[in-house]
C-alpha atoms as a PDB file:
ATOM      1  CA  MET A   1      31.413   7.505 -34.029  1.00  0.00           C
ATOM      2  CA  VAL A   2      29.847   9.035 -30.911  1.00  0.00           C
ATOM      3  CA  LEU A   3      28.917   6.749 -28.018  1.00  0.00           C
ATOM      4  CA  LEU A   4      26.021   7.785 -25.809  1.00  0.00           C
ATOM      5  CA  PRO A   5      25.760   6.663 -22.192  1.00  0.00           C
ATOM      6  CA  MET A   6      23.415   3.745 -21.624  1.00  0.00           C
ATOM      7  CA  THR A   7      21.012   3.638 -18.698  1.00  0.00           C
ATOM      8  CA  SER A   8      20.313   0.429 -16.834  1.00  0.00           C
ATOM      9  CA  SER A   9      16.608   0.999 -16.176  1.00  0.00           C
ATOM     10  CA  VAL A  10      13.620   3.186 -16.852  1.00  0.00           C
ATOM     11  CA  GLU A  11      14.046   4.823 -13.431  1.00  0.00           C
ATOM     12  CA  ASP A  12      17.551   5.988 -14.429  1.00  0.00           C
ATOM     13  CA  GLN A  13      16.013   8.034 -17.244  1.00  0.00           C
ATOM     14  CA  ASN A  14      13.785   9.983 -14.888  1.00  0.00           C
ATOM     15  CA  ASP A  15      15.664  13.106 -13.848  1.00  0.00           C
ATOM     16  CA  PHE A  16      12.482  15.145 -13.298  1.00  0.00           C
ATOM     17  CA  ALA A  17      12.443  15.340  -9.487  1.00  0.00           C
ATOM     18  CA  SER A  18       8.851  16.602  -9.164  1.00  0.00           C
ATOM     19  CA  PHE A  19       7.120  13.844 -11.106  1.00  0.00           C
ATOM     20  CA  ASN A  20       5.051  11.678  -8.734  1.00  0.00           C
ATOM     21  CA  VAL A  21       2.759   8.755  -9.548  1.00  0.00           C
ATOM     22  CA  TYR A  22       0.516   7.182  -6.893  1.00  0.00           C
ATOM     23  CA  PRO A  23      -0.831   4.818  -5.754  1.00  0.00           C
ATOM     24  CA  ASN A  24       1.624   2.301  -7.100  1.00  0.00           C
ATOM     25  CA  PRO A  25       0.540  -0.469  -7.383  1.00  0.00           C
ATOM     26  CA  ALA A  26      -2.826   0.838  -8.556  1.00  0.00           C
ATOM     27  CA  THR A  27      -6.216  -0.666  -9.391  1.00  0.00           C
ATOM     28  CA  ASP A  28      -8.540   1.883 -11.042  1.00  0.00           C
ATOM     29  CA  ILE A  29      -7.074   5.397 -10.785  1.00  0.00           C
ATOM     30  CA  ILE A  30      -3.507   6.729 -10.951  1.00  0.00           C
ATOM     31  CA  ASN A  31      -2.730  10.238  -9.735  1.00  0.00           C
ATOM     32  CA  VAL A  32       0.050  12.051 -11.564  1.00  0.00           C
ATOM     33  CA  GLU A  33       1.524  15.233 -10.107  1.00  0.00           C
ATOM     34  CA  MET A  34       4.097  17.435 -11.804  1.00  0.00           C
ATOM     35  CA  GLU A  35       5.619  20.682 -10.575  1.00  0.00           C
ATOM     36  CA  GLY A  36       7.608  23.347 -12.383  1.00  0.00           C
ATOM     37  CA  LEU A  37       6.193  22.684 -15.839  1.00  0.00           C
ATOM     38  CA  GLU A  38       6.558  25.038 -18.741  1.00  0.00           C
ATOM     39  CA  GLY A  39       2.947  26.090 -19.312  1.00  0.00           C
ATOM     40  CA  ASN A  40       3.091  26.615 -23.067  1.00  0.00           C
ATOM     41  CA  LEU A  41       4.210  23.086 -23.955  1.00  0.00           C
ATOM     42  CA  ILE A  42       1.846  20.242 -24.794  1.00  0.00           C
ATOM     43  CA  GLN A  43       1.825  17.757 -21.943  1.00  0.00           C
ATOM     44  CA  LYS A  44       0.786  14.180 -22.526  1.00  0.00           C
ATOM     45  CA  ILE A  45       0.783  10.822 -20.695  1.00  0.00           C
ATOM     46  CA  ASN A  46       1.072   7.406 -22.348  1.00  0.00           C
ATOM     47  CA  MET A  47       0.675   4.049 -20.618  1.00  0.00           C
ATOM     48  CA  ILE A  48       2.889   1.485 -22.361  1.00  0.00           C
ATOM     49  CA  ASP A  49       2.441  -2.249 -21.745  1.00  0.00           C
ATOM     50  CA  ALA A  50       5.140  -4.930 -21.529  1.00  0.00           C
ATOM     51  CA  GLN A  51       4.981  -5.493 -25.304  1.00  0.00           C
ATOM     52  CA  GLY A  52       5.707  -1.801 -25.977  1.00  0.00           C
ATOM     53  CA  LYS A  53       2.144  -0.988 -27.093  1.00  0.00           C
ATOM     54  CA  VAL A  54       0.613   2.342 -26.046  1.00  0.00           C
ATOM     55  CA  THR A  55      -2.549   1.197 -24.275  1.00  0.00           C
ATOM     56  CA  LEU A  56      -3.737   4.599 -23.046  1.00  0.00           C
ATOM     57  CA  SER A  57      -2.925   8.179 -24.036  1.00  0.00           C
ATOM     58  CA  GLN A  58      -4.186  11.402 -22.492  1.00  0.00           C
ATOM     59  CA  THR A  59      -3.447  15.140 -22.428  1.00  0.00           C
ATOM     60  CA  MET A  60      -2.397  16.507 -19.047  1.00  0.00           C
ATOM     61  CA  ASN A  61      -3.627  19.150 -16.638  1.00  0.00           C
ATOM     62  CA  PRO A  62      -0.541  21.278 -15.796  1.00  0.00           C
ATOM     63  CA  ASN A  63      -0.451  20.520 -12.049  1.00  0.00           C
ATOM     64  CA  ASN A  64      -2.351  17.347 -11.275  1.00  0.00           C
ATOM     65  CA  THR A  65      -4.301  14.750 -13.164  1.00  0.00           C
ATOM     66  CA  GLN A  66      -6.017  11.464 -12.554  1.00  0.00           C
ATOM     67  CA  ILE A  67      -5.786   8.685 -15.084  1.00  0.00           C
ATOM     68  CA  ASP A  68      -8.517   6.047 -15.252  1.00  0.00           C
ATOM     69  CA  VAL A  69      -6.686   2.745 -15.711  1.00  0.00           C
ATOM     70  CA  SER A  70      -9.687   0.536 -14.883  1.00  0.00           C
ATOM     71  CA  GLY A  71      -9.846  -0.649 -18.514  1.00  0.00           C
ATOM     72  CA  LEU A  72      -6.242  -1.897 -18.518  1.00  0.00           C
ATOM     73  CA  ASN A  73      -5.158  -5.424 -17.621  1.00  0.00           C
ATOM     74  CA  THR A  74      -3.122  -6.391 -14.564  1.00  0.00           C
ATOM     75  CA  GLY A  75       0.599  -6.063 -15.176  1.00  0.00           C
ATOM     76  CA  LEU A  76       3.639  -3.819 -15.320  1.00  0.00           C
ATOM     77  CA  TYR A  77       3.385  -0.645 -17.392  1.00  0.00           C
ATOM     78  CA  ILE A  78       5.645   2.255 -18.197  1.00  0.00           C
ATOM     79  CA  LEU A  79       4.032   5.643 -17.702  1.00  0.00           C
ATOM     80  CA  GLU A  80       5.590   8.041 -20.214  1.00  0.00           C
ATOM     81  CA  TYR A  81       5.197  11.743 -19.489  1.00  0.00           C
ATOM     82  CA  MET A  82       5.911  14.110 -22.387  1.00  0.00           C
ATOM     83  CA  ASN A  83       6.435  17.846 -21.926  1.00  0.00           C
ATOM     84  CA  GLY A  84       7.359  19.342 -25.279  1.00  0.00           C
ATOM     85  CA  GLU A  85      10.398  17.378 -26.474  1.00  0.00           C
ATOM     86  CA  ASN A  86      11.236  16.089 -22.971  1.00  0.00           C
ATOM     87  CA  ARG A  87      10.169  12.581 -21.940  1.00  0.00           C
ATOM     88  CA  TYR A  88      10.138  11.110 -18.441  1.00  0.00           C
ATOM     89  CA  TYR A  89       9.262   7.593 -17.313  1.00  0.00           C
ATOM     90  CA  LYS A  90       7.913   5.755 -14.268  1.00  0.00           C
ATOM     91  CA  LYS A  91       7.153   2.076 -13.748  1.00  0.00           C
ATOM     92  CA  VAL A  92       3.554   1.441 -12.690  1.00  0.00           C
ATOM     93  CA  MET A  93       2.073  -1.865 -11.532  1.00  0.00           C
ATOM     94  CA  LEU A  94      -1.644  -2.488 -12.003  1.00  0.00           C
ATOM     95  CA  ASN A  95      -3.372  -5.047  -9.770  1.00  0.00           C
ATOM     96  CA  LYS A  96      -6.990  -5.919 -10.518  1.00  0.00           C
END
């Protein structure tokens, strides 16, 4: 049996240094900036609510994108960034 290391939080899983999300907390728009991406991979963002449901999904612009979160409820979300098979996470708070 192989044991894999466990992480204590979503932030621990984010080893992609050039992955920025702002403002946080947000109200209507979230800016997502990524640097050093591999251009030929599909890049996608998911917003996941506290129940684990994907509430928003969008394909990314390689360098910068804005996400309209005005239709989402107030609360804590996990922003999941996918670049090919790699996944990175950030906590995002929405205040309405």
